[in-house]
PDB file of N, CA and C in Angstrom:
ATOM      1  N   UNK A   1      93.584  64.631  81.115  1.00  0.00           N
ATOM      2  CA  UNK A   1      92.398  65.442  80.970  1.00  0.00           C
ATOM      3  C   UNK A   1      92.773  66.776  80.321  1.00  0.00           C
ATOM      4  N   UNK A   2      91.996  67.220  79.358  1.00  0.00           N
ATOM      5  CA  UNK A   2      92.273  68.463  78.636  1.00  0.00           C
ATOM      6  C   UNK A   2      91.878  69.675  79.475  1.00  0.00           C
ATOM      7  N   UNK A   3      92.542  70.793  79.188  1.00  0.00           N
ATOM      8  CA  UNK A   3      92.207  72.035  79.874  1.00  0.00           C
ATOM      9  C   UNK A   3      90.843  72.533  79.431  1.00  0.00           C
ATOM     10  N   UNK A   4      90.191  73.287  80.294  1.00  0.00           N
ATOM     11  CA  UNK A   4      88.901  73.875  79.949  1.00  0.00           C
ATOM     12  C   UNK A   4      89.089  74.916  78.851  1.00  0.00           C
ATOM     13  N   UNK A   5      88.089  75.037  78.006  1.00  0.00           N
ATOM     14  CA  UNK A   5      88.167  75.978  76.896  1.00  0.00           C
ATOM     15  C   UNK A   5      88.065  77.422  77.363  1.00  0.00           C
ATOM     16  N   UNK A   6      87.311  77.679  78.388  1.00  0.00           N
ATOM     17  CA  UNK A   6      87.137  79.042  78.896  1.00  0.00           C
ATOM     18  C   UNK A   6      88.161  79.358  79.971  1.00  0.00           C
ATOM     19  N   UNK A   7      88.413  80.655  80.122  1.00  0.00           N
ATOM     20  CA  UNK A   7      89.215  81.098  81.254  1.00  0.00           C
ATOM     21  C   UNK A   7      88.375  80.936  82.523  1.00  0.00           C
ATOM     22  N   UNK A   8      89.040  80.730  83.629  1.00  0.00           N
ATOM     23  CA  UNK A   8      88.323  80.674  84.900  1.00  0.00           C
ATOM     24  C   UNK A   8      87.939  82.099  85.316  1.00  0.00           C
ATOM     25  N   UNK A   9      87.072  82.208  86.297  1.00  0.00           N
ATOM     26  CA  UNK A   9      86.656  83.529  86.779  1.00  0.00           C
ATOM     27  C   UNK A   9      87.850  84.320  87.312  1.00  0.00           C
ATOM     28  N   UNK A  10      88.769  83.661  88.007  1.00  0.00           N
ATOM     29  CA  UNK A  10      89.963  84.334  88.521  1.00  0.00           C
ATOM     30  C   UNK A  10      90.866  84.811  87.381  1.00  0.00           C
ATOM     31  N   UNK A  11      90.994  84.007  86.336  1.00  0.00           N
ATOM     32  CA  UNK A  11      91.803  84.415  85.182  1.00  0.00           C
ATOM     33  C   UNK A  11      91.183  85.631  84.494  1.00  0.00           C
ATOM     34  N   UNK A  12      89.860  85.640  84.342  1.00  0.00           N
ATOM     35  CA  UNK A  12      89.195  86.782  83.720  1.00  0.00           C
ATOM     36  C   UNK A  12      89.322  88.043  84.574  1.00  0.00           C
ATOM     37  N   UNK A  13      89.257  87.896  85.899  1.00  0.00           N
ATOM     38  CA  UNK A  13      89.444  89.050  86.787  1.00  0.00           C
ATOM     39  C   UNK A  13      90.843  89.640  86.617  1.00  0.00           C
ATOM     40  N   UNK A  14      91.847  88.781  86.506  1.00  0.00           N
ATOM     41  CA  UNK A  14      93.223  89.244  86.331  1.00  0.00           C
ATOM     42  C   UNK A  14      93.390  89.956  84.989  1.00  0.00           C
ATOM     43  N   UNK A  15      92.743  89.453  83.944  1.00  0.00           N
ATOM     44  CA  UNK A  15      92.807  90.105  82.631  1.00  0.00           C
ATOM     45  C   UNK A  15      92.170  91.485  82.688  1.00  0.00           C
ATOM     46  N   UNK A  16      90.998  91.588  83.310  1.00  0.00           N
ATOM     47  CA  UNK A  16      90.315  92.882  83.447  1.00  0.00           C
ATOM     48  C   UNK A  16      91.159  93.866  84.233  1.00  0.00           C
ATOM     49  N   UNK A  17      91.752  93.390  85.324  1.00  0.00           N
ATOM     50  CA  UNK A  17      92.570  94.263  86.160  1.00  0.00           C
ATOM     51  C   UNK A  17      93.761  94.807  85.378  1.00  0.00           C
ATOM     52  N   UNK A  18      94.372  93.978  84.550  1.00  0.00           N
ATOM     53  CA  UNK A  18      95.506  94.428  83.745  1.00  0.00           C
ATOM     54  C   UNK A  18      95.079  95.504  82.752  1.00  0.00           C
ATOM     55  N   UNK A  19      93.958  95.301  82.081  1.00  0.00           N
ATOM     56  CA  UNK A  19      93.477  96.283  81.106  1.00  0.00           C
ATOM     57  C   UNK A  19      93.105  97.588  81.792  1.00  0.00           C
ATOM     58  N   UNK A  20      92.393  97.517  82.896  1.00  0.00           N
ATOM     59  CA  UNK A  20      91.984  98.718  83.610  1.00  0.00           C
ATOM     60  C   UNK A  20      93.171  99.477  84.194  1.00  0.00           C
ATOM     61  N   UNK A  21      94.295  98.778  84.422  1.00  0.00           N
ATOM     62  CA  UNK A  21      95.515  99.418  84.907  1.00  0.00           C
ATOM     63  C   UNK A  21      96.356  99.979  83.758  1.00  0.00           C
ATOM     64  N   UNK A  22      95.886  99.797  82.513  1.00  0.00           N
ATOM     65  CA  UNK A  22      96.604 100.320  81.353  1.00  0.00           C
ATOM     66  C   UNK A  22      97.706  99.413  80.837  1.00  0.00           C
ATOM     67  N   UNK A  23      97.736  98.175  81.294  1.00  0.00           N
ATOM     68  CA  UNK A  23      98.754  97.217  80.867  1.00  0.00           C
ATOM     69  C   UNK A  23      98.239  96.362  79.719  1.00  0.00           C
ATOM     70  N   UNK A  24      99.169  95.763  78.983  1.00  0.00           N
ATOM     71  CA  UNK A  24      98.796  94.787  77.971  1.00  0.00           C
ATOM     72  C   UNK A  24      98.811  93.425  78.639  1.00  0.00           C
ATOM     73  N   UNK A  25      97.668  92.757  78.733  1.00  0.00           N
ATOM     74  CA  UNK A  25      97.611  91.489  79.466  1.00  0.00           C
ATOM     75  C   UNK A  25      98.292  90.343  78.723  1.00  0.00           C
ATOM     76  N   UNK A  26      98.763  89.398  79.513  1.00  0.00           N
ATOM     77  CA  UNK A  26      99.336  88.163  78.985  1.00  0.00           C
ATOM     78  C   UNK A  26      98.320  87.049  79.206  1.00  0.00           C
ATOM     79  N   UNK A  27      98.254  86.124  78.273  1.00  0.00           N
ATOM     80  CA  UNK A  27      97.328  85.001  78.405  1.00  0.00           C
ATOM     81  C   UNK A  27      97.716  84.191  79.639  1.00  0.00           C
ATOM     82  N   UNK A  28      96.760  83.940  80.535  1.00  0.00           N
ATOM     83  CA  UNK A  28      97.077  83.174  81.746  1.00  0.00           C
ATOM     84  C   UNK A  28      97.388  81.708  81.468  1.00  0.00           C
ATOM     85  N   UNK A  29      97.036  81.205  80.299  1.00  0.00           N
ATOM     86  CA  UNK A  29      97.269  79.796  79.983  1.00  0.00           C
ATOM     87  C   UNK A  29      98.597  79.565  79.266  1.00  0.00           C
ATOM     88  N   UNK A  30      98.951  80.462  78.320  1.00  0.00           N
ATOM     89  CA  UNK A  30     100.164  80.196  77.533  1.00  0.00           C
ATOM     90  C   UNK A  30     101.178  81.339  77.580  1.00  0.00           C
ATOM     91  N   UNK A  31     100.932  82.356  78.381  1.00  0.00           N
ATOM     92  CA  UNK A  31     101.869  83.466  78.607  1.00  0.00           C
ATOM     93  C   UNK A  31     102.264  84.212  77.336  1.00  0.00           C
ATOM     94  N   UNK A  32     101.315  84.363  76.425  1.00  0.00           N
ATOM     95  CA  UNK A  32     101.523  85.118  75.186  1.00  0.00           C
ATOM     96  C   UNK A  32     100.790  86.445  75.318  1.00  0.00           C
ATOM     97  N   UNK A  33     101.387  87.514  74.783  1.00  0.00           N
ATOM     98  CA  UNK A  33     100.747  88.827  74.832  1.00  0.00           C
ATOM     99  C   UNK A  33      99.423  88.773  74.072  1.00  0.00           C
ATOM    100  N   UNK A  34      98.364  89.201  74.727  1.00  0.00           N
ATOM    101  CA  UNK A  34      97.036  89.149  74.110  1.00  0.00           C
ATOM    102  C   UNK A  34      96.797  90.381  73.247  1.00  0.00           C
ATOM    103  N   UNK A  35      96.008  90.206  72.205  1.00  0.00           N
ATOM    104  CA  UNK A  35      95.587  91.332  71.390  1.00  0.00           C
ATOM    105  C   UNK A  35      94.227  91.779  71.895  1.00  0.00           C
ATOM    106  N   UNK A  36      93.871  93.023  71.588  1.00  0.00           N
ATOM    107  CA  UNK A  36      92.572  93.498  72.045  1.00  0.00           C
ATOM    108  C   UNK A  36      91.867  94.237  70.926  1.00  0.00           C
ATOM    109  N   UNK A  37      90.565  94.187  70.979  1.00  0.00           N
ATOM    110  CA  UNK A  37      89.712  94.905  70.045  1.00  0.00           C
ATOM    111  C   UNK A  37      88.639  95.615  70.851  1.00  0.00           C
ATOM    112  N   UNK A  38      88.593  96.928  70.722  1.00  0.00           N
ATOM    113  CA  UNK A  38      87.500  97.643  71.393  1.00  0.00           C
ATOM    114  C   UNK A  38      86.191  97.378  70.670  1.00  0.00           C
ATOM    115  N   UNK A  39      85.140  97.244  71.421  1.00  0.00           N
ATOM    116  CA  UNK A  39      83.811  97.016  70.860  1.00  0.00           C
ATOM    117  C   UNK A  39      82.902  98.102  71.397  1.00  0.00           C
ATOM    118  N   UNK A  40      82.444  98.977  70.529  1.00  0.00           N
ATOM    119  CA  UNK A  40      81.504 100.017  70.941  1.00  0.00           C
ATOM    120  C   UNK A  40      80.094  99.516  70.720  1.00  0.00           C
ATOM    121  N   UNK A  41      79.142 100.313  71.078  1.00  0.00           N
ATOM    122  CA  UNK A  41      77.783  99.910  70.788  1.00  0.00           C
ATOM    123  C   UNK A  41      76.788 100.378  71.801  1.00  0.00           C
ATOM    124  N   UNK A  42      75.638  99.884  71.647  1.00  0.00           N
ATOM    125  CA  UNK A  42      74.485 100.287  72.425  1.00  0.00           C
ATOM    126  C   UNK A  42      73.323 100.377  71.456  1.00  0.00           C
ATOM    127  N   UNK A  43      72.190 100.568  71.960  1.00  0.00           N
ATOM    128  CA  UNK A  43      71.015 100.668  71.105  1.00  0.00           C
ATOM    129  C   UNK A  43      70.701 102.127  70.840  1.00  0.00           C
ATOM    130  N   UNK A  44      70.352 102.415  69.622  1.00  0.00           N
ATOM    131  CA  UNK A  44      70.002 103.777  69.245  1.00  0.00           C
ATOM    132  C   UNK A  44      68.752 104.214  69.998  1.00  0.00           C
ATOM    133  N   UNK A  45      68.808 105.414  70.560  1.00  0.00           N
ATOM    134  CA  UNK A  45      67.644 105.970  71.231  1.00  0.00           C
ATOM    135  C   UNK A  45      67.457 105.541  72.673  1.00  0.00           C
ATOM    136  N   UNK A  46      68.324 104.710  73.198  1.00  0.00           N
ATOM    137  CA  UNK A  46      68.151 104.258  74.579  1.00  0.00           C
ATOM    138  C   UNK A  46      68.943 105.092  75.578  1.00  0.00           C
ATOM    139  N   UNK A  47      69.844 105.942  75.089  1.00  0.00           N
ATOM    140  CA  UNK A  47      70.554 106.838  75.982  1.00  0.00           C
ATOM    141  C   UNK A  47      71.739 106.228  76.715  1.00  0.00           C
ATOM    142  N   UNK A  48      72.262 105.133  76.245  1.00  0.00           N
ATOM    143  CA  UNK A  48      73.465 104.592  76.870  1.00  0.00           C
ATOM    144  C   UNK A  48      74.425 104.120  75.793  1.00  0.00           C
ATOM    145  N   UNK A  49      75.666 104.050  76.164  1.00  0.00           N
ATOM    146  CA  UNK A  49      76.711 103.600  75.248  1.00  0.00           C
ATOM    147  C   UNK A  49      77.622 102.647  76.003  1.00  0.00           C
ATOM    148  N   UNK A  50      77.810 101.471  75.481  1.00  0.00           N
ATOM    149  CA  UNK A  50      78.674 100.492  76.125  1.00  0.00           C
ATOM    150  C   UNK A  50      80.058 100.558  75.503  1.00  0.00           C
ATOM    151  N   UNK A  51      81.061 100.466  76.338  1.00  0.00           N
ATOM    152  CA  UNK A  51      82.433 100.366  75.872  1.00  0.00           C
ATOM    153  C   UNK A  51      82.969  99.032  76.362  1.00  0.00           C
ATOM    154  N   UNK A  52      83.157  98.125  75.433  1.00  0.00           N
ATOM    155  CA  UNK A  52      83.620  96.789  75.787  1.00  0.00           C
ATOM    156  C   UNK A  52      84.996  96.526  75.204  1.00  0.00           C
ATOM    157  N   UNK A  53      85.672  95.598  75.782  1.00  0.00           N
ATOM    158  CA  UNK A  53      87.002  95.194  75.348  1.00  0.00           C
ATOM    159  C   UNK A  53      86.979  93.690  75.085  1.00  0.00           C
ATOM    160  N   UNK A  54      87.539  93.303  73.946  1.00  0.00           N
ATOM    161  CA  UNK A  54      87.610  91.893  73.578  1.00  0.00           C
ATOM    162  C   UNK A  54      89.077  91.513  73.554  1.00  0.00           C
ATOM    163  N   UNK A  55      89.498  90.667  74.466  1.00  0.00           N
ATOM    164  CA  UNK A  55      90.878  90.200  74.529  1.00  0.00           C
ATOM    165  C   UNK A  55      90.970  88.841  73.858  1.00  0.00           C
ATOM    166  N   UNK A  56      91.972  88.701  72.982  1.00  0.00           N
ATOM    167  CA  UNK A  56      92.144  87.456  72.235  1.00  0.00           C
ATOM    168  C   UNK A  56      93.583  86.967  72.367  1.00  0.00           C
ATOM    169  N   UNK A  57      93.734  85.682  72.585  1.00  0.00           N
ATOM    170  CA  UNK A  57      95.062  85.079  72.629  1.00  0.00           C
ATOM    171  C   UNK A  57      95.376  84.529  71.239  1.00  0.00           C
ATOM    172  N   UNK A  58      96.449  85.001  70.605  1.00  0.00           N
ATOM    173  CA  UNK A  58      96.776  84.513  69.263  1.00  0.00           C
ATOM    174  C   UNK A  58      97.310  83.080  69.254  1.00  0.00           C
ATOM    175  N   UNK A  59      97.693  82.566  70.411  1.00  0.00           N
ATOM    176  CA  UNK A  59      98.252  81.227  70.477  1.00  0.00           C
ATOM    177  C   UNK A  59      97.184  80.158  70.735  1.00  0.00           C
ATOM    178  N   UNK A  60      96.482  80.262  71.864  1.00  0.00           N
ATOM    179  CA  UNK A  60      95.504  79.222  72.217  1.00  0.00           C
ATOM    180  C   UNK A  60      94.087  79.559  71.754  1.00  0.00           C
ATOM    181  N   UNK A  61      93.883  80.764  71.226  1.00  0.00           N
ATOM    182  CA  UNK A  61      92.604  81.214  70.661  1.00  0.00           C
ATOM    183  C   UNK A  61      91.488  81.418  71.685  1.00  0.00           C
ATOM    184  N   UNK A  62      91.836  81.482  72.954  1.00  0.00           N
ATOM    185  CA  UNK A  62      90.824  81.798  73.958  1.00  0.00           C
ATOM    186  C   UNK A  62      90.576  83.300  73.941  1.00  0.00           C
ATOM    187  N   UNK A  63      89.423  83.709  74.425  1.00  0.00           N
ATOM    188  CA  UNK A  63      89.127  85.135  74.458  1.00  0.00           C
ATOM    189  C   UNK A  63      88.255  85.471  75.663  1.00  0.00           C
ATOM    190  N   UNK A  64      88.198  86.757  75.956  1.00  0.00           N
ATOM    191  CA  UNK A  64      87.392  87.254  77.057  1.00  0.00           C
ATOM    192  C   UNK A  64      86.831  88.613  76.654  1.00  0.00           C
ATOM    193  N   UNK A  65      85.557  88.838  76.930  1.00  0.00           N
ATOM    194  CA  UNK A  65      84.908  90.116  76.627  1.00  0.00           C
ATOM    195  C   UNK A  65      84.371  90.676  77.934  1.00  0.00           C
ATOM    196  N   UNK A  66      84.611  91.973  78.155  1.00  0.00           N
ATOM    197  CA  UNK A  66      84.072  92.598  79.350  1.00  0.00           C
ATOM    198  C   UNK A  66      83.774  94.058  79.104  1.00  0.00           C
ATOM    199  N   UNK A  67      82.938  94.608  79.943  1.00  0.00           N
ATOM    200  CA  UNK A  67      82.530  95.998  79.877  1.00  0.00           C
ATOM    201  C   UNK A  67      83.586  96.823  80.602  1.00  0.00           C
ATOM    202  N   UNK A  68      84.231  97.742  79.884  1.00  0.00           N
ATOM    203  CA  UNK A  68      85.346  98.503  80.449  1.00  0.00           C
ATOM    204  C   UNK A  68      84.891  99.460  81.535  1.00  0.00           C
ATOM    205  N   UNK A  69      83.832 100.202  81.300  1.00  0.00           N
ATOM    206  CA  UNK A  69      83.409 101.230  82.247  1.00  0.00           C
ATOM    207  C   UNK A  69      83.053 100.646  83.600  1.00  0.00           C
ATOM    208  N   UNK A  70      82.249  99.605  83.604  1.00  0.00           N
ATOM    209  CA  UNK A  70      81.828  98.991  84.860  1.00  0.00           C
ATOM    210  C   UNK A  70      82.777  97.912  85.321  1.00  0.00           C
ATOM    211  N   UNK A  71      83.601  97.396  84.415  1.00  0.00           N
ATOM    212  CA  UNK A  71      84.506  96.310  84.786  1.00  0.00           C
ATOM    213  C   UNK A  71      83.769  94.999  84.996  1.00  0.00           C
ATOM    214  N   UNK A  72      82.629  94.839  84.346  1.00  0.00           N
ATOM    215  CA  UNK A  72      81.850  93.614  84.518  1.00  0.00           C
ATOM    216  C   UNK A  72      81.938  92.742  83.295  1.00  0.00           C
ATOM    217  N   UNK A  73      81.760  91.473  83.497  1.00  0.00           N
ATOM    218  CA  UNK A  73      81.784  90.518  82.405  1.00  0.00           C
ATOM    219  C   UNK A  73      80.424  90.495  81.741  1.00  0.00           C
ATOM    220  N   UNK A  74      80.413  90.343  80.434  1.00  0.00           N
ATOM    221  CA  UNK A  74      79.139  90.253  79.710  1.00  0.00           C
ATOM    222  C   UNK A  74      78.585  88.864  79.760  1.00  0.00           C
TER     223      UNK A  74
END
């Protein structure tokens, strides 16, 4: 049976915890250092700004996106 394409909820929690602790996370599936891309944004005129982080594994191509400030998954 093939592995699931998405990270599990526990794997995503561990990735978020590593980023929020200032560490560079390792992919929980293949143990490769993940790359990250900050994603800014929000809607003009609404009075809020989201700061999100996009973690990408260069080996297995899995990724995870979460809101940095709140630490919540999108």
